[in-house]
PDB file of all heavy atoms in Angstrom:
ATOM      1  N   ALA A   1     -16.890  -7.505  -7.764  1.00  0.00           N
ATOM      2  CA  ALA A   1     -16.052  -6.309  -8.119  1.00  0.00           C
ATOM      3  C   ALA A   1     -15.880  -5.390  -6.916  1.00  0.00           C
ATOM      4  O   ALA A   1     -14.746  -5.012  -6.582  1.00  0.00           O
ATOM      5  CB  ALA A   1     -16.645  -5.442  -9.273  1.00  0.00           C
ATOM      6  N   TYR A   2     -17.007  -5.137  -6.181  1.00  0.00           N
ATOM      7  CA  TYR A   2     -16.903  -4.279  -5.000  1.00  0.00           C
ATOM      8  C   TYR A   2     -15.995  -4.973  -3.888  1.00  0.00           C
ATOM      9  O   TYR A   2     -15.073  -4.291  -3.383  1.00  0.00           O
ATOM     10  CB  TYR A   2     -18.289  -4.111  -4.379  1.00  0.00           C
ATOM     11  CG  TYR A   2     -18.322  -3.420  -3.065  1.00  0.00           C
ATOM     12  CD1 TYR A   2     -18.207  -1.990  -3.024  1.00  0.00           C
ATOM     13  CD2 TYR A   2     -18.294  -4.091  -1.860  1.00  0.00           C
ATOM     14  CE1 TYR A   2     -18.156  -1.358  -1.825  1.00  0.00           C
ATOM     15  CE2 TYR A   2     -18.244  -3.419  -0.714  1.00  0.00           C
ATOM     16  CZ  TYR A   2     -18.205  -2.046  -0.683  1.00  0.00           C
ATOM     17  OH  TYR A   2     -18.158  -1.330   0.550  1.00  0.00           O
ATOM     18  N   CYS A   3     -16.212  -6.302  -3.710  1.00  0.00           N
ATOM     19  CA  CYS A   3     -15.426  -7.036  -2.672  1.00  0.00           C
ATOM     20  C   CYS A   3     -13.940  -7.115  -3.110  1.00  0.00           C
ATOM     21  O   CYS A   3     -13.073  -7.071  -2.302  1.00  0.00           O
ATOM     22  CB  CYS A   3     -16.007  -8.387  -2.451  1.00  0.00           C
ATOM     23  SG  CYS A   3     -17.653  -8.346  -1.665  1.00  0.00           S
ATOM     24  N   THR A   4     -13.671  -7.282  -4.392  1.00  0.00           N
ATOM     25  CA  THR A   4     -12.374  -7.356  -4.953  1.00  0.00           C
ATOM     26  C   THR A   4     -11.601  -6.035  -4.636  1.00  0.00           C
ATOM     27  O   THR A   4     -10.460  -5.943  -4.146  1.00  0.00           O
ATOM     28  CB  THR A   4     -12.363  -7.675  -6.447  1.00  0.00           C
ATOM     29  OG1 THR A   4     -12.969  -8.904  -6.601  1.00  0.00           O
ATOM     30  CG2 THR A   4     -10.889  -7.634  -6.975  1.00  0.00           C
ATOM     31  N   TRP A   5     -12.256  -4.870  -5.002  1.00  0.00           N
ATOM     32  CA  TRP A   5     -11.679  -3.556  -4.774  1.00  0.00           C
ATOM     33  C   TRP A   5     -11.598  -3.381  -3.230  1.00  0.00           C
ATOM     34  O   TRP A   5     -10.573  -2.630  -2.755  1.00  0.00           O
ATOM     35  CB  TRP A   5     -12.484  -2.469  -5.370  1.00  0.00           C
ATOM     36  CG  TRP A   5     -12.170  -2.391  -6.864  1.00  0.00           C
ATOM     37  CD1 TRP A   5     -12.933  -2.770  -7.902  1.00  0.00           C
ATOM     38  CD2 TRP A   5     -10.952  -2.028  -7.457  1.00  0.00           C
ATOM     39  NE1 TRP A   5     -12.317  -2.676  -9.057  1.00  0.00           N
ATOM     40  CE2 TRP A   5     -11.048  -2.222  -8.831  1.00  0.00           C
ATOM     41  CE3 TRP A   5      -9.685  -1.564  -6.925  1.00  0.00           C
ATOM     42  CZ2 TRP A   5      -9.948  -1.900  -9.729  1.00  0.00           C
ATOM     43  CZ3 TRP A   5      -8.690  -1.225  -7.803  1.00  0.00           C
ATOM     44  CH2 TRP A   5      -8.874  -1.380  -9.207  1.00  0.00           C
ATOM     45  N   TRP A   6     -12.458  -3.917  -2.423  1.00  0.00           N
ATOM     46  CA  TRP A   6     -12.327  -3.749  -0.960  1.00  0.00           C
ATOM     47  C   TRP A   6     -11.018  -4.432  -0.495  1.00  0.00           C
ATOM     48  O   TRP A   6     -10.247  -3.920   0.247  1.00  0.00           O
ATOM     49  CB  TRP A   6     -13.468  -4.291  -0.166  1.00  0.00           C
ATOM     50  CG  TRP A   6     -13.155  -4.407   1.300  1.00  0.00           C
ATOM     51  CD1 TRP A   6     -12.817  -5.475   1.926  1.00  0.00           C
ATOM     52  CD2 TRP A   6     -12.970  -3.264   2.169  1.00  0.00           C
ATOM     53  NE1 TRP A   6     -12.564  -5.155   3.259  1.00  0.00           N
ATOM     54  CE2 TRP A   6     -12.591  -3.808   3.402  1.00  0.00           C
ATOM     55  CE3 TRP A   6     -13.166  -1.866   2.046  1.00  0.00           C
ATOM     56  CZ2 TRP A   6     -12.415  -3.065   4.543  1.00  0.00           C
ATOM     57  CZ3 TRP A   6     -12.883  -1.100   3.143  1.00  0.00           C
ATOM     58  CH2 TRP A   6     -12.495  -1.727   4.423  1.00  0.00           C
ATOM     59  N   ALA A   7     -10.772  -5.591  -1.022  1.00  0.00           N
ATOM     60  CA  ALA A   7      -9.574  -6.341  -0.719  1.00  0.00           C
ATOM     61  C   ALA A   7      -8.266  -5.511  -1.137  1.00  0.00           C
ATOM     62  O   ALA A   7      -7.289  -5.495  -0.346  1.00  0.00           O
ATOM     63  CB  ALA A   7      -9.519  -7.705  -1.339  1.00  0.00           C
ATOM     64  N   ALA A   8      -8.316  -4.900  -2.262  1.00  0.00           N
ATOM     65  CA  ALA A   8      -7.123  -4.142  -2.747  1.00  0.00           C
ATOM     66  C   ALA A   8      -7.006  -2.975  -1.903  1.00  0.00           C
ATOM     67  O   ALA A   8      -5.862  -2.614  -1.454  1.00  0.00           O
ATOM     68  CB  ALA A   8      -7.442  -3.657  -4.169  1.00  0.00           C
ATOM     69  N   PHE A   9      -8.092  -2.299  -1.472  1.00  0.00           N
ATOM     70  CA  PHE A   9      -8.021  -1.169  -0.537  1.00  0.00           C
ATOM     71  C   PHE A   9      -7.476  -1.535   0.747  1.00  0.00           C
ATOM     72  O   PHE A   9      -6.583  -0.834   1.321  1.00  0.00           O
ATOM     73  CB  PHE A   9      -9.445  -0.524  -0.419  1.00  0.00           C
ATOM     74  CG  PHE A   9      -9.496   0.622   0.535  1.00  0.00           C
ATOM     75  CD1 PHE A   9      -9.281   1.947   0.119  1.00  0.00           C
ATOM     76  CD2 PHE A   9      -9.829   0.421   1.957  1.00  0.00           C
ATOM     77  CE1 PHE A   9      -9.329   2.982   1.015  1.00  0.00           C
ATOM     78  CE2 PHE A   9      -9.944   1.500   2.866  1.00  0.00           C
ATOM     79  CZ  PHE A   9      -9.680   2.779   2.361  1.00  0.00           C
ATOM     80  N   ASP A  10      -7.926  -2.676   1.305  1.00  0.00           N
ATOM     81  CA  ASP A  10      -7.431  -3.148   2.606  1.00  0.00           C
ATOM     82  C   ASP A  10      -5.947  -3.448   2.563  1.00  0.00           C
ATOM     83  O   ASP A  10      -5.308  -3.196   3.579  1.00  0.00           O
ATOM     84  CB  ASP A  10      -8.260  -4.365   2.986  1.00  0.00           C
ATOM     85  CG  ASP A  10      -8.030  -4.748   4.476  1.00  0.00           C
ATOM     86  OD1 ASP A  10      -8.135  -3.879   5.351  1.00  0.00           O
ATOM     87  OD2 ASP A  10      -7.654  -5.991   4.593  1.00  0.00           O
ATOM     88  N   ALA A  11      -5.540  -4.150   1.543  1.00  0.00           N
ATOM     89  CA  ALA A  11      -4.107  -4.441   1.342  1.00  0.00           C
ATOM     90  C   ALA A  11      -3.263  -3.204   1.382  1.00  0.00           C
ATOM     91  O   ALA A  11      -2.191  -3.113   2.061  1.00  0.00           O
ATOM     92  CB  ALA A  11      -3.901  -5.298   0.110  1.00  0.00           C
ATOM     93  N   ALA A  12      -3.629  -2.181   0.568  1.00  0.00           N
ATOM     94  CA  ALA A  12      -2.964  -0.898   0.544  1.00  0.00           C
ATOM     95  C   ALA A  12      -2.908  -0.236   1.928  1.00  0.00           C
ATOM     96  O   ALA A  12      -1.951   0.248   2.353  1.00  0.00           O
ATOM     97  CB  ALA A  12      -3.533  -0.022  -0.510  1.00  0.00           C
ATOM     98  N   ARG A  13      -4.089  -0.301   2.507  1.00  0.00           N
ATOM     99  CA  ARG A  13      -4.237   0.351   3.898  1.00  0.00           C
ATOM    100  C   ARG A  13      -3.311  -0.259   4.876  1.00  0.00           C
ATOM    101  O   ARG A  13      -2.600   0.404   5.649  1.00  0.00           O
ATOM    102  CB  ARG A  13      -5.678   0.234   4.368  1.00  0.00           C
ATOM    103  CG  ARG A  13      -5.873   0.918   5.782  1.00  0.00           C
ATOM    104  CD  ARG A  13      -7.348   0.463   6.288  1.00  0.00           C
ATOM    105  NE  ARG A  13      -7.425  -0.947   6.436  1.00  0.00           N
ATOM    106  CZ  ARG A  13      -6.956  -1.633   7.482  1.00  0.00           C
ATOM    107  NH1 ARG A  13      -6.272  -1.010   8.452  1.00  0.00           N
ATOM    108  NH2 ARG A  13      -7.121  -2.949   7.555  1.00  0.00           N
ATOM    109  N   ARG A  14      -3.252  -1.594   4.874  1.00  0.00           N
ATOM    110  CA  ARG A  14      -2.328  -2.377   5.783  1.00  0.00           C
ATOM    111  C   ARG A  14      -0.864  -2.011   5.487  1.00  0.00           C
ATOM    112  O   ARG A  14      -0.111  -1.794   6.436  1.00  0.00           O
ATOM    113  CB  ARG A  14      -2.566  -3.828   5.697  1.00  0.00           C
ATOM    114  CG  ARG A  14      -3.889  -4.253   6.258  1.00  0.00           C
ATOM    115  CD  ARG A  14      -4.127  -5.794   5.924  1.00  0.00           C
ATOM    116  NE  ARG A  14      -5.412  -6.279   6.284  1.00  0.00           N
ATOM    117  CZ  ARG A  14      -5.690  -6.801   7.442  1.00  0.00           C
ATOM    118  NH1 ARG A  14      -4.683  -7.096   8.342  1.00  0.00           N
ATOM    119  NH2 ARG A  14      -6.913  -7.208   7.684  1.00  0.00           N
ATOM    120  N   ASP A  15      -0.489  -1.876   4.247  1.00  0.00           N
ATOM    121  CA  ASP A  15       0.897  -1.650   3.859  1.00  0.00           C
ATOM    122  C   ASP A  15       1.277  -0.175   4.332  1.00  0.00           C
ATOM    123  O   ASP A  15       2.368   0.020   4.871  1.00  0.00           O
ATOM    124  CB  ASP A  15       1.108  -1.736   2.425  1.00  0.00           C
ATOM    125  CG  ASP A  15       2.580  -1.464   2.089  1.00  0.00           C
ATOM    126  OD1 ASP A  15       3.448  -2.208   2.496  1.00  0.00           O
ATOM    127  OD2 ASP A  15       2.782  -0.531   1.359  1.00  0.00           O
ATOM    128  N   ILE A  16       0.305   0.736   4.162  1.00  0.00           N
ATOM    129  CA  ILE A  16       0.615   2.147   4.641  1.00  0.00           C
ATOM    130  C   ILE A  16       0.733   2.206   6.186  1.00  0.00           C
ATOM    131  O   ILE A  16       1.570   2.805   6.736  1.00  0.00           O
ATOM    132  CB  ILE A  16      -0.484   3.070   4.175  1.00  0.00           C
ATOM    133  CG1 ILE A  16      -0.341   3.208   2.639  1.00  0.00           C
ATOM    134  CG2 ILE A  16      -0.308   4.505   4.778  1.00  0.00           C
ATOM    135  CD1 ILE A  16      -1.564   3.891   1.965  1.00  0.00           C
ATOM    136  N   ALA A  17      -0.190   1.417   6.839  1.00  0.00           N
ATOM    137  CA  ALA A  17      -0.088   1.337   8.249  1.00  0.00           C
ATOM    138  C   ALA A  17       1.237   0.770   8.822  1.00  0.00           C
ATOM    139  O   ALA A  17       1.783   1.202   9.801  1.00  0.00           O
ATOM    140  CB  ALA A  17      -1.269   0.647   8.904  1.00  0.00           C
ATOM    141  N   GLU A  18       1.738  -0.240   8.033  1.00  0.00           N
ATOM    142  CA  GLU A  18       2.975  -0.937   8.460  1.00  0.00           C
ATOM    143  C   GLU A  18       4.168  -0.151   8.071  1.00  0.00           C
ATOM    144  O   GLU A  18       5.111   0.020   8.915  1.00  0.00           O
ATOM    145  CB  GLU A  18       2.975  -2.309   7.817  1.00  0.00           C
ATOM    146  CG  GLU A  18       4.237  -3.127   8.129  1.00  0.00           C
ATOM    147  CD  GLU A  18       4.226  -4.517   7.358  1.00  0.00           C
ATOM    148  OE1 GLU A  18       3.268  -5.108   7.288  1.00  0.00           O
ATOM    149  OE2 GLU A  18       5.330  -4.855   6.918  1.00  0.00           O
ATOM    150  N   ARG A  19       4.274   0.346   6.891  1.00  0.00           N
ATOM    151  CA  ARG A  19       5.511   1.030   6.407  1.00  0.00           C
ATOM    152  C   ARG A  19       5.502   2.524   6.399  1.00  0.00           C
ATOM    153  O   ARG A  19       6.480   3.189   6.281  1.00  0.00           O
ATOM    154  CB  ARG A  19       5.810   0.443   4.956  1.00  0.00           C
ATOM    155  CG  ARG A  19       6.173  -0.920   4.914  1.00  0.00           C
ATOM    156  CD  ARG A  19       6.749  -1.480   3.549  1.00  0.00           C
ATOM    157  NE  ARG A  19       6.008  -0.989   2.452  1.00  0.00           N
ATOM    158  CZ  ARG A  19       6.619  -0.780   1.238  1.00  0.00           C
ATOM    159  NH1 ARG A  19       7.836  -0.973   1.076  1.00  0.00           N
ATOM    160  NH2 ARG A  19       5.898  -0.411   0.190  1.00  0.00           N
ATOM    161  N   GLY A  20       4.218   3.117   6.473  1.00  0.00           N
ATOM    162  CA  GLY A  20       4.131   4.577   6.453  1.00  0.00           C
ATOM    163  C   GLY A  20       3.841   5.094   4.977  1.00  0.00           C
ATOM    164  O   GLY A  20       4.011   4.313   4.066  1.00  0.00           O
ATOM    165  N   PRO A  21       3.588   6.389   4.966  1.00  0.00           N
ATOM    166  CA  PRO A  21       3.340   6.988   3.602  1.00  0.00           C
ATOM    167  C   PRO A  21       4.617   7.214   2.729  1.00  0.00           C
ATOM    168  O   PRO A  21       4.493   7.437   1.625  1.00  0.00           O
ATOM    169  CB  PRO A  21       2.587   8.324   3.923  1.00  0.00           C
ATOM    170  CG  PRO A  21       3.141   8.610   5.330  1.00  0.00           C
ATOM    171  CD  PRO A  21       3.400   7.318   6.039  1.00  0.00           C
ATOM    172  N   LEU A  22       5.729   7.185   3.430  1.00  0.00           N
ATOM    173  CA  LEU A  22       7.049   7.357   2.677  1.00  0.00           C
ATOM    174  C   LEU A  22       7.877   6.091   2.942  1.00  0.00           C
ATOM    175  O   LEU A  22       7.910   5.569   4.081  1.00  0.00           O
ATOM    176  CB  LEU A  22       7.826   8.560   3.197  1.00  0.00           C
ATOM    177  CG  LEU A  22       7.104   9.925   2.955  1.00  0.00           C
ATOM    178  CD1 LEU A  22       7.853  11.058   3.644  1.00  0.00           C
ATOM    179  CD2 LEU A  22       6.854  10.201   1.531  1.00  0.00           C
ATOM    180  N   VAL A  23       8.503   5.625   1.880  1.00  0.00           N
ATOM    181  CA  VAL A  23       9.310   4.459   1.951  1.00  0.00           C
ATOM    182  C   VAL A  23      10.597   4.679   1.249  1.00  0.00           C
ATOM    183  O   VAL A  23      10.778   5.568   0.427  1.00  0.00           O
ATOM    184  CB  VAL A  23       8.646   3.179   1.243  1.00  0.00           C
ATOM    185  CG1 VAL A  23       7.305   2.839   1.996  1.00  0.00           C
ATOM    186  CG2 VAL A  23       8.366   3.511  -0.222  1.00  0.00           C
ATOM    187  N   PRO A  24      11.676   3.911   1.574  1.00  0.00           N
ATOM    188  CA  PRO A  24      13.022   4.112   0.920  1.00  0.00           C
ATOM    189  C   PRO A  24      12.790   3.854  -0.599  1.00  0.00           C
ATOM    190  O   PRO A  24      12.313   2.857  -0.994  1.00  0.00           O
ATOM    191  CB  PRO A  24      13.907   3.078   1.518  1.00  0.00           C
ATOM    192  CG  PRO A  24      13.230   2.702   2.819  1.00  0.00           C
ATOM    193  CD  PRO A  24      11.773   2.886   2.632  1.00  0.00           C
ATOM    194  N   GLY A  25      13.405   4.759  -1.401  1.00  0.00           N
ATOM    195  CA  GLY A  25      13.465   4.572  -2.815  1.00  0.00           C
ATOM    196  C   GLY A  25      14.296   3.476  -3.217  1.00  0.00           C
ATOM    197  O   GLY A  25      15.310   3.070  -2.449  1.00  0.00           O
ATOM    198  N   ARG A  26      14.203   2.980  -4.488  1.00  0.00           N
ATOM    199  CA  ARG A  26      15.060   1.788  -4.888  1.00  0.00           C
ATOM    200  C   ARG A  26      16.124   2.215  -5.975  1.00  0.00           C
ATOM    201  O   ARG A  26      16.922   1.494  -6.149  1.00  0.00           O
ATOM    202  CB  ARG A  26      14.172   0.729  -5.461  1.00  0.00           C
ATOM    203  CG  ARG A  26      13.149   0.141  -4.467  1.00  0.00           C
ATOM    204  CD  ARG A  26      12.464  -1.019  -4.941  1.00  0.00           C
ATOM    205  NE  ARG A  26      11.781  -0.735  -6.293  1.00  0.00           N
ATOM    206  CZ  ARG A  26      10.921  -1.467  -6.823  1.00  0.00           C
ATOM    207  NH1 ARG A  26      10.520  -2.549  -6.185  1.00  0.00           N
ATOM    208  NH2 ARG A  26      10.335  -1.132  -7.933  1.00  0.00           N
ATOM    209  N   SER A  27      16.024   3.455  -6.448  1.00  0.00           N
ATOM    210  CA  SER A  27      16.966   3.810  -7.520  1.00  0.00           C
ATOM    211  C   SER A  27      17.980   4.749  -6.926  1.00  0.00           C
ATOM    212  O   SER A  27      17.843   5.392  -5.915  1.00  0.00           O
ATOM    213  CB  SER A  27      16.161   4.444  -8.706  1.00  0.00           C
ATOM    214  OG  SER A  27      15.691   5.791  -8.255  1.00  0.00           O
ATOM    215  N   SER A  28      19.041   4.876  -7.721  1.00  0.00           N
ATOM    216  CA  SER A  28      20.171   5.946  -7.315  1.00  0.00           C
ATOM    217  C   SER A  28      19.599   7.315  -7.367  1.00  0.00           C
ATOM    218  O   SER A  28      20.056   8.112  -6.622  1.00  0.00           O
ATOM    219  CB  SER A  28      21.356   5.676  -8.224  1.00  0.00           C
ATOM    220  OG  SER A  28      20.949   5.910  -9.569  1.00  0.00           O
ATOM    221  N   ALA A  29      18.633   7.588  -8.262  1.00  0.00           N
ATOM    222  CA  ALA A  29      18.121   8.916  -8.376  1.00  0.00           C
ATOM    223  C   ALA A  29      17.236   9.243  -7.019  1.00  0.00           C
ATOM    224  O   ALA A  29      17.354  10.396  -6.594  1.00  0.00           O
ATOM    225  CB  ALA A  29      17.212   9.001  -9.497  1.00  0.00           C
TER     226      ALA A  29
END
């Protein structure tokens, strides 16, 4: 469980590092 959550944390961390904390929205709103 710990290692699985580490992988989830790492994937999110990488995405934030790549795309930043703000991303283009997908809806017209």
